[in-house]
Amino acid sequence: MKVLFVCLGNICRSPSAEGVFSQRLAQRPHMHVAVDSAGTAGYHIGKAPDARSVAAARKRGIDISGLRARQVTAEDFHRFDLILAMDRSNLADLRRLDPGNGAELHLFMEYAPDQPLEVPDPYYGGDQGFEQVLDMLEAASDALLDELQSRC
C-alpha cells in the first residue's frame, strides 16, 4: 500500500500528516505502507515545512524538518493507491488532475468521523492551530491504520 497526503502548498498540513502517519506506522512494524506528501500548488517546491509545523511536530517526537515540498504530478495517480486530501478544495483539485487510473481519492478526515471533515490550514493563524491540526492528524492516522490493517 502507498499513501499520499495532499494539501495546498505541502508545507504545513500534508508534511505534518506524513510525519504523524509515519510515526504511528512505526508502532506497527508488521504493516508495510509507503508514505509521501505533496501539494496541489507549486508555491513552495523544494522548501522545508513551515517552522511552526516543524516545532509543533517536534514537541510530539516527530521530525519533519527533512521533508521538502513538492507538487502533485500525474505520475502520483499511478504510484499511490490512496491519495488523501486535507480539505474539499484540495480534493476537487485532485479530481481535476486525476487521469482515472484507479487511485482512491478521499478526504483524510473521513477516517476520523468524530472530527471535522476538513483539516484547517494553520498557516495564517497562531501556534494553537498547528496543535489542533496535529490532534486531528493523529486521530485520522490511527483510524486509517486500523482500516488498512483490517484489509490485510
N, C-alpha and C. Protein backbone atom coordinates (compact mmCIF):
# COMPACT_ATOMS: atom_id res chain seq x y z
N MET A 1 0.85 -1.18 0.00
CA MET A 1 0.00 0.00 0.00
C MET A 1 0.89 1.24 0.00
N LYS A 2 0.49 2.22 -0.79
CA LYS A 2 1.21 3.50 -0.87
C LYS A 2 0.20 4.63 -0.68
N VAL A 3 0.51 5.52 0.28
CA VAL A 3 -0.40 6.59 0.66
C VAL A 3 0.26 7.95 0.43
N LEU A 4 -0.48 8.87 -0.20
CA LEU A 4 0.00 10.22 -0.44
C LEU A 4 -0.94 11.20 0.27
N PHE A 5 -0.37 12.08 1.10
CA PHE A 5 -1.14 13.12 1.78
C PHE A 5 -0.97 14.42 1.01
N VAL A 6 -2.07 15.14 0.79
CA VAL A 6 -2.03 16.33 -0.07
C VAL A 6 -2.73 17.52 0.58
N CYS A 7 -2.05 18.66 0.57
CA CYS A 7 -2.67 19.93 0.94
C CYS A 7 -2.36 20.93 -0.17
N LEU A 8 -2.43 22.21 0.10
CA LEU A 8 -2.21 23.20 -0.95
C LEU A 8 -0.73 23.39 -1.27
N GLY A 9 0.07 23.78 -0.28
CA GLY A 9 1.46 24.11 -0.55
C GLY A 9 2.48 23.09 -0.10
N ASN A 10 2.04 22.05 0.63
CA ASN A 10 2.92 20.99 1.12
C ASN A 10 3.97 21.52 2.09
N ILE A 11 3.56 22.50 2.93
CA ILE A 11 4.50 22.98 3.96
C ILE A 11 3.90 22.94 5.37
N CYS A 12 2.61 22.69 5.51
CA CYS A 12 2.01 22.63 6.85
C CYS A 12 1.27 21.31 7.07
N ARG A 13 0.10 21.19 6.50
CA ARG A 13 -0.77 20.05 6.82
C ARG A 13 -0.27 18.72 6.26
N SER A 14 0.06 18.65 4.98
CA SER A 14 0.42 17.34 4.42
C SER A 14 1.77 16.83 4.92
N PRO A 15 2.80 17.66 5.10
CA PRO A 15 4.02 17.10 5.70
C PRO A 15 3.79 16.68 7.15
N SER A 16 2.92 17.41 7.85
CA SER A 16 2.58 17.01 9.22
C SER A 16 1.86 15.67 9.20
N ALA A 17 0.95 15.49 8.24
CA ALA A 17 0.24 14.21 8.11
C ALA A 17 1.22 13.09 7.81
N GLU A 18 2.16 13.34 6.91
CA GLU A 18 3.18 12.34 6.59
C GLU A 18 3.97 11.97 7.84
N GLY A 19 4.37 12.97 8.63
CA GLY A 19 5.15 12.71 9.83
C GLY A 19 4.37 11.95 10.88
N VAL A 20 3.13 12.37 11.15
CA VAL A 20 2.30 11.71 12.15
C VAL A 20 2.01 10.28 11.73
N PHE A 21 1.60 10.10 10.47
CA PHE A 21 1.26 8.77 9.99
C PHE A 21 2.49 7.85 10.05
N SER A 22 3.64 8.37 9.66
CA SER A 22 4.87 7.57 9.70
C SER A 22 5.23 7.17 11.12
N GLN A 23 5.06 8.09 12.07
CA GLN A 23 5.33 7.78 13.47
C GLN A 23 4.39 6.67 13.96
N ARG A 24 3.11 6.80 13.65
CA ARG A 24 2.13 5.80 14.07
C ARG A 24 2.39 4.46 13.37
N LEU A 25 2.78 4.51 12.12
CA LEU A 25 3.08 3.31 11.34
C LEU A 25 4.27 2.55 11.95
N ALA A 26 5.26 3.29 12.44
CA ALA A 26 6.44 2.66 13.04
C ALA A 26 6.08 1.84 14.28
N GLN A 27 4.94 2.14 14.89
CA GLN A 27 4.48 1.38 16.05
C GLN A 27 3.77 0.09 15.63
N ARG A 28 3.63 -0.11 14.33
CA ARG A 28 3.00 -1.32 13.80
C ARG A 28 3.98 -1.94 12.79
N PRO A 29 5.07 -2.52 13.25
CA PRO A 29 6.13 -2.98 12.36
C PRO A 29 5.70 -4.06 11.37
N HIS A 30 4.60 -4.71 11.62
CA HIS A 30 4.12 -5.74 10.70
C HIS A 30 3.45 -5.14 9.46
N MET A 31 3.15 -3.85 9.49
CA MET A 31 2.49 -3.19 8.35
C MET A 31 3.54 -2.56 7.44
N HIS A 32 3.32 -2.69 6.16
CA HIS A 32 4.24 -2.12 5.17
C HIS A 32 3.46 -1.14 4.30
N VAL A 33 3.64 0.14 4.60
CA VAL A 33 2.95 1.20 3.89
C VAL A 33 3.98 2.26 3.52
N ALA A 34 4.04 2.63 2.25
CA ALA A 34 4.91 3.72 1.80
C ALA A 34 4.11 5.02 1.95
N VAL A 35 4.78 6.08 2.39
CA VAL A 35 4.11 7.33 2.71
C VAL A 35 4.86 8.50 2.07
N ASP A 36 4.10 9.48 1.55
CA ASP A 36 4.69 10.69 0.98
C ASP A 36 3.67 11.80 1.14
N SER A 37 4.08 13.02 0.79
CA SER A 37 3.15 14.15 0.80
C SER A 37 3.48 15.07 -0.37
N ALA A 38 2.49 15.87 -0.75
CA ALA A 38 2.65 16.79 -1.88
C ALA A 38 1.60 17.90 -1.75
N GLY A 39 1.74 18.91 -2.58
CA GLY A 39 0.78 20.00 -2.62
C GLY A 39 0.14 20.11 -3.99
N THR A 40 -1.06 20.67 -4.03
CA THR A 40 -1.71 20.86 -5.33
C THR A 40 -1.13 22.07 -6.05
N ALA A 41 -0.53 22.98 -5.31
CA ALA A 41 0.08 24.17 -5.90
C ALA A 41 1.60 24.09 -5.79
N GLY A 42 2.28 24.79 -6.65
CA GLY A 42 3.74 24.76 -6.67
C GLY A 42 4.40 25.93 -5.98
N TYR A 43 3.71 26.55 -5.02
CA TYR A 43 4.22 27.75 -4.36
C TYR A 43 5.54 27.55 -3.63
N HIS A 44 5.75 26.38 -3.05
CA HIS A 44 6.87 26.18 -2.13
C HIS A 44 7.79 25.02 -2.53
N ILE A 45 7.81 24.65 -3.77
CA ILE A 45 8.59 23.49 -4.22
C ILE A 45 10.04 23.59 -3.72
N GLY A 46 10.48 22.51 -3.09
CA GLY A 46 11.85 22.43 -2.59
C GLY A 46 12.07 23.02 -1.21
N LYS A 47 11.05 23.66 -0.65
CA LYS A 47 11.20 24.29 0.66
C LYS A 47 10.87 23.32 1.79
N ALA A 48 11.48 23.56 2.93
CA ALA A 48 11.20 22.77 4.13
C ALA A 48 9.81 23.12 4.65
N PRO A 49 9.23 22.27 5.48
CA PRO A 49 7.95 22.61 6.08
C PRO A 49 8.05 23.90 6.89
N ASP A 50 6.90 24.55 7.06
CA ASP A 50 6.81 25.77 7.86
C ASP A 50 7.44 25.51 9.24
N ALA A 51 8.20 26.47 9.72
CA ALA A 51 8.92 26.31 11.00
C ALA A 51 7.96 26.02 12.15
N ARG A 52 6.75 26.55 12.09
CA ARG A 52 5.78 26.30 13.16
C ARG A 52 5.29 24.86 13.11
N SER A 53 5.14 24.30 11.91
CA SER A 53 4.78 22.88 11.77
C SER A 53 5.89 22.00 12.31
N VAL A 54 7.13 22.35 11.98
CA VAL A 54 8.28 21.58 12.44
C VAL A 54 8.34 21.61 13.97
N ALA A 55 8.16 22.79 14.56
CA ALA A 55 8.24 22.93 16.02
C ALA A 55 7.11 22.16 16.72
N ALA A 56 5.89 22.26 16.20
CA ALA A 56 4.76 21.57 16.83
C ALA A 56 4.95 20.05 16.74
N ALA A 57 5.41 19.58 15.58
CA ALA A 57 5.64 18.14 15.42
C ALA A 57 6.77 17.67 16.34
N ARG A 58 7.82 18.47 16.43
CA ARG A 58 8.97 18.10 17.27
C ARG A 58 8.55 17.92 18.73
N LYS A 59 7.62 18.74 19.20
CA LYS A 59 7.13 18.61 20.58
C LYS A 59 6.49 17.25 20.81
N ARG A 60 6.04 16.61 19.74
CA ARG A 60 5.40 15.30 19.85
C ARG A 60 6.34 14.17 19.42
N GLY A 61 7.62 14.51 19.29
CA GLY A 61 8.60 13.49 18.94
C GLY A 61 8.63 13.13 17.47
N ILE A 62 8.15 14.03 16.63
CA ILE A 62 8.09 13.78 15.18
C ILE A 62 9.00 14.78 14.48
N ASP A 63 9.90 14.29 13.65
CA ASP A 63 10.83 15.17 12.92
C ASP A 63 10.43 15.22 11.46
N ILE A 64 9.89 16.37 11.04
CA ILE A 64 9.53 16.56 9.62
C ILE A 64 10.46 17.56 8.95
N SER A 65 11.52 17.95 9.64
CA SER A 65 12.40 19.01 9.14
C SER A 65 13.11 18.63 7.84
N GLY A 66 13.29 17.34 7.58
CA GLY A 66 13.99 16.91 6.37
C GLY A 66 13.10 16.80 5.15
N LEU A 67 11.80 16.95 5.33
CA LEU A 67 10.89 16.87 4.18
C LEU A 67 11.01 18.12 3.33
N ARG A 68 10.71 17.99 2.05
CA ARG A 68 10.75 19.12 1.12
C ARG A 68 9.48 19.13 0.29
N ALA A 69 8.94 20.33 0.11
CA ALA A 69 7.68 20.48 -0.61
C ALA A 69 7.83 20.10 -2.08
N ARG A 70 6.79 19.46 -2.57
CA ARG A 70 6.72 19.14 -3.98
C ARG A 70 5.27 19.25 -4.42
N GLN A 71 5.07 19.32 -5.71
CA GLN A 71 3.73 19.43 -6.26
C GLN A 71 3.27 18.06 -6.77
N VAL A 72 1.98 17.81 -6.63
CA VAL A 72 1.39 16.57 -7.15
C VAL A 72 1.66 16.49 -8.65
N THR A 73 2.00 15.29 -9.12
CA THR A 73 2.23 15.06 -10.55
C THR A 73 1.25 14.01 -11.06
N ALA A 74 1.10 13.93 -12.35
CA ALA A 74 0.23 12.90 -12.95
C ALA A 74 0.70 11.51 -12.56
N GLU A 75 2.00 11.34 -12.43
CA GLU A 75 2.57 10.04 -12.06
C GLU A 75 2.10 9.59 -10.68
N ASP A 76 1.83 10.54 -9.79
CA ASP A 76 1.38 10.19 -8.44
C ASP A 76 0.10 9.35 -8.46
N PHE A 77 -0.76 9.59 -9.42
CA PHE A 77 -2.01 8.84 -9.51
C PHE A 77 -1.78 7.39 -9.91
N HIS A 78 -0.61 7.11 -10.46
CA HIS A 78 -0.22 5.74 -10.81
C HIS A 78 0.60 5.10 -9.70
N ARG A 79 1.39 5.91 -8.98
CA ARG A 79 2.30 5.38 -7.95
C ARG A 79 1.60 5.08 -6.63
N PHE A 80 0.54 5.81 -6.30
CA PHE A 80 -0.10 5.68 -5.00
C PHE A 80 -1.46 4.98 -5.10
N ASP A 81 -1.77 4.20 -4.08
CA ASP A 81 -3.05 3.51 -4.01
C ASP A 81 -4.12 4.41 -3.41
N LEU A 82 -3.71 5.25 -2.48
CA LEU A 82 -4.62 6.09 -1.73
C LEU A 82 -4.06 7.51 -1.67
N ILE A 83 -4.82 8.47 -2.16
CA ILE A 83 -4.42 9.87 -2.14
C ILE A 83 -5.42 10.61 -1.27
N LEU A 84 -4.92 11.21 -0.18
CA LEU A 84 -5.78 11.79 0.84
C LEU A 84 -5.60 13.30 0.93
N ALA A 85 -6.67 14.03 0.68
CA ALA A 85 -6.66 15.49 0.69
C ALA A 85 -7.01 16.01 2.07
N MET A 86 -6.46 17.16 2.39
CA MET A 86 -6.71 17.78 3.69
C MET A 86 -8.02 18.55 3.73
N ASP A 87 -8.49 19.03 2.57
CA ASP A 87 -9.77 19.74 2.54
C ASP A 87 -10.46 19.54 1.20
N ARG A 88 -11.71 20.03 1.11
CA ARG A 88 -12.52 19.83 -0.10
C ARG A 88 -11.91 20.49 -1.33
N SER A 89 -11.28 21.64 -1.14
CA SER A 89 -10.65 22.33 -2.26
C SER A 89 -9.50 21.50 -2.83
N ASN A 90 -8.67 20.93 -1.95
CA ASN A 90 -7.58 20.05 -2.41
C ASN A 90 -8.14 18.83 -3.12
N LEU A 91 -9.22 18.27 -2.59
CA LEU A 91 -9.83 17.10 -3.20
C LEU A 91 -10.38 17.43 -4.58
N ALA A 92 -11.01 18.58 -4.73
CA ALA A 92 -11.52 18.99 -6.04
C ALA A 92 -10.37 19.16 -7.04
N ASP A 93 -9.27 19.76 -6.58
CA ASP A 93 -8.09 19.91 -7.45
C ASP A 93 -7.55 18.54 -7.87
N LEU A 94 -7.49 17.60 -6.93
CA LEU A 94 -7.01 16.26 -7.25
C LEU A 94 -7.92 15.57 -8.27
N ARG A 95 -9.20 15.74 -8.10
CA ARG A 95 -10.15 15.12 -9.05
C ARG A 95 -9.98 15.67 -10.45
N ARG A 96 -9.66 16.97 -10.55
CA ARG A 96 -9.41 17.57 -11.87
C ARG A 96 -8.13 17.02 -12.50
N LEU A 97 -7.13 16.72 -11.67
CA LEU A 97 -5.85 16.22 -12.16
C LEU A 97 -5.85 14.72 -12.43
N ASP A 98 -6.79 14.00 -11.84
CA ASP A 98 -6.81 12.54 -11.87
C ASP A 98 -7.02 12.01 -13.29
N PRO A 99 -6.06 11.23 -13.81
CA PRO A 99 -6.22 10.65 -15.14
C PRO A 99 -7.17 9.45 -15.14
N GLY A 100 -7.65 9.05 -13.96
CA GLY A 100 -8.63 7.98 -13.87
C GLY A 100 -8.05 6.59 -13.89
N ASN A 101 -6.91 6.39 -13.24
CA ASN A 101 -6.28 5.07 -13.27
C ASN A 101 -6.69 4.18 -12.11
N GLY A 102 -7.53 4.67 -11.22
CA GLY A 102 -7.99 3.83 -10.14
C GLY A 102 -7.48 4.18 -8.75
N ALA A 103 -6.59 5.15 -8.61
CA ALA A 103 -6.15 5.57 -7.27
C ALA A 103 -7.36 6.08 -6.51
N GLU A 104 -7.48 5.67 -5.26
CA GLU A 104 -8.59 6.14 -4.42
C GLU A 104 -8.30 7.56 -3.95
N LEU A 105 -9.27 8.45 -4.09
CA LEU A 105 -9.15 9.83 -3.63
C LEU A 105 -10.19 10.07 -2.54
N HIS A 106 -9.73 10.55 -1.39
CA HIS A 106 -10.63 10.82 -0.27
C HIS A 106 -10.12 12.02 0.52
N LEU A 107 -11.01 12.54 1.38
CA LEU A 107 -10.57 13.46 2.42
C LEU A 107 -9.95 12.62 3.53
N PHE A 108 -8.82 13.01 4.03
CA PHE A 108 -8.15 12.24 5.08
C PHE A 108 -9.05 12.09 6.30
N MET A 109 -9.77 13.14 6.66
CA MET A 109 -10.56 13.12 7.87
C MET A 109 -11.80 12.25 7.77
N GLU A 110 -12.10 11.70 6.62
CA GLU A 110 -13.19 10.72 6.51
C GLU A 110 -12.91 9.52 7.41
N TYR A 111 -11.65 9.29 7.73
CA TYR A 111 -11.28 8.15 8.56
C TYR A 111 -11.47 8.42 10.05
N ALA A 112 -11.77 9.66 10.41
CA ALA A 112 -11.99 10.01 11.82
C ALA A 112 -13.33 10.74 11.93
N PRO A 113 -14.44 9.99 11.90
CA PRO A 113 -15.76 10.61 11.85
C PRO A 113 -16.12 11.47 13.05
N ASP A 114 -15.37 11.35 14.15
CA ASP A 114 -15.64 12.19 15.31
C ASP A 114 -14.93 13.54 15.23
N GLN A 115 -14.26 13.79 14.12
CA GLN A 115 -13.52 15.03 13.90
C GLN A 115 -14.16 15.82 12.75
N PRO A 116 -13.83 17.12 12.63
CA PRO A 116 -14.30 17.87 11.45
C PRO A 116 -13.81 17.20 10.16
N LEU A 117 -14.54 17.38 9.08
CA LEU A 117 -14.22 16.71 7.82
C LEU A 117 -13.00 17.31 7.11
N GLU A 118 -12.69 18.57 7.41
CA GLU A 118 -11.56 19.23 6.77
C GLU A 118 -10.51 19.62 7.81
N VAL A 119 -9.25 19.46 7.44
CA VAL A 119 -8.15 19.91 8.29
C VAL A 119 -7.92 21.39 7.98
N PRO A 120 -8.13 22.26 8.95
CA PRO A 120 -7.96 23.69 8.69
C PRO A 120 -6.50 24.05 8.42
N ASP A 121 -6.31 25.00 7.53
CA ASP A 121 -4.95 25.44 7.21
C ASP A 121 -4.48 26.37 8.33
N PRO A 122 -3.43 25.98 9.07
CA PRO A 122 -2.98 26.81 10.20
C PRO A 122 -2.03 27.94 9.79
N TYR A 123 -1.72 28.06 8.51
CA TYR A 123 -0.67 28.95 8.04
C TYR A 123 -0.83 30.39 8.53
N TYR A 124 -2.05 30.92 8.48
CA TYR A 124 -2.25 32.33 8.84
C TYR A 124 -2.67 32.54 10.29
N GLY A 125 -2.67 31.48 11.08
CA GLY A 125 -3.09 31.59 12.47
C GLY A 125 -1.92 31.48 13.43
N GLY A 126 -2.27 31.26 14.68
CA GLY A 126 -1.26 31.14 15.74
C GLY A 126 -0.83 29.71 15.95
N ASP A 127 0.03 29.54 16.95
CA ASP A 127 0.59 28.22 17.25
C ASP A 127 -0.47 27.18 17.60
N GLN A 128 -1.58 27.61 18.23
CA GLN A 128 -2.62 26.67 18.61
C GLN A 128 -3.21 25.95 17.40
N GLY A 129 -3.25 26.62 16.26
CA GLY A 129 -3.76 26.00 15.05
C GLY A 129 -2.92 24.81 14.62
N PHE A 130 -1.63 24.88 14.82
CA PHE A 130 -0.74 23.78 14.47
C PHE A 130 -0.95 22.60 15.40
N GLU A 131 -1.22 22.89 16.68
CA GLU A 131 -1.51 21.83 17.65
C GLU A 131 -2.83 21.14 17.31
N GLN A 132 -3.83 21.94 16.95
CA GLN A 132 -5.14 21.39 16.58
C GLN A 132 -5.00 20.48 15.37
N VAL A 133 -4.23 20.91 14.38
CA VAL A 133 -4.01 20.10 13.17
C VAL A 133 -3.37 18.77 13.56
N LEU A 134 -2.37 18.80 14.41
CA LEU A 134 -1.72 17.55 14.82
C LEU A 134 -2.68 16.63 15.56
N ASP A 135 -3.53 17.19 16.42
CA ASP A 135 -4.53 16.36 17.11
C ASP A 135 -5.42 15.66 16.10
N MET A 136 -5.87 16.39 15.09
CA MET A 136 -6.74 15.82 14.07
C MET A 136 -6.02 14.75 13.26
N LEU A 137 -4.77 15.04 12.89
CA LEU A 137 -4.00 14.10 12.07
C LEU A 137 -3.70 12.82 12.84
N GLU A 138 -3.48 12.93 14.14
CA GLU A 138 -3.24 11.74 14.95
C GLU A 138 -4.49 10.85 14.97
N ALA A 139 -5.66 11.45 15.15
CA ALA A 139 -6.90 10.68 15.19
C ALA A 139 -7.15 9.98 13.85
N ALA A 140 -6.97 10.71 12.76
CA ALA A 140 -7.20 10.12 11.43
C ALA A 140 -6.15 9.07 11.09
N SER A 141 -4.91 9.29 11.50
CA SER A 141 -3.84 8.32 11.22
C SER A 141 -4.13 7.00 11.92
N ASP A 142 -4.51 7.06 13.18
CA ASP A 142 -4.82 5.84 13.92
C ASP A 142 -5.97 5.08 13.26
N ALA A 143 -7.02 5.82 12.89
CA ALA A 143 -8.19 5.18 12.27
C ALA A 143 -7.84 4.59 10.91
N LEU A 144 -7.04 5.30 10.11
CA LEU A 144 -6.64 4.79 8.80
C LEU A 144 -5.78 3.54 8.96
N LEU A 145 -4.86 3.56 9.89
CA LEU A 145 -4.01 2.39 10.11
C LEU A 145 -4.85 1.19 10.55
N ASP A 146 -5.85 1.42 11.39
CA ASP A 146 -6.74 0.33 11.79
C ASP A 146 -7.46 -0.24 10.57
N GLU A 147 -7.94 0.64 9.69
CA GLU A 147 -8.64 0.17 8.49
C GLU A 147 -7.69 -0.61 7.56
N LEU A 148 -6.52 -0.06 7.34
CA LEU A 148 -5.56 -0.74 6.46
C LEU A 148 -5.18 -2.10 7.04
N GLN A 149 -5.02 -2.16 8.35
CA GLN A 149 -4.68 -3.42 8.99
C GLN A 149 -5.80 -4.44 8.81
N SER A 150 -7.05 -3.99 8.84
CA SER A 150 -8.17 -4.91 8.68
C SER A 150 -8.29 -5.42 7.24
N ARG A 151 -7.73 -4.67 6.29
CA ARG A 151 -7.76 -5.11 4.88
C ARG A 151 -6.77 -6.25 4.62
N CYS A 152 -5.75 -6.36 5.47
CA CYS A 152 -4.70 -7.37 5.26
C CYS A 152 -5.15 -8.74 5.70
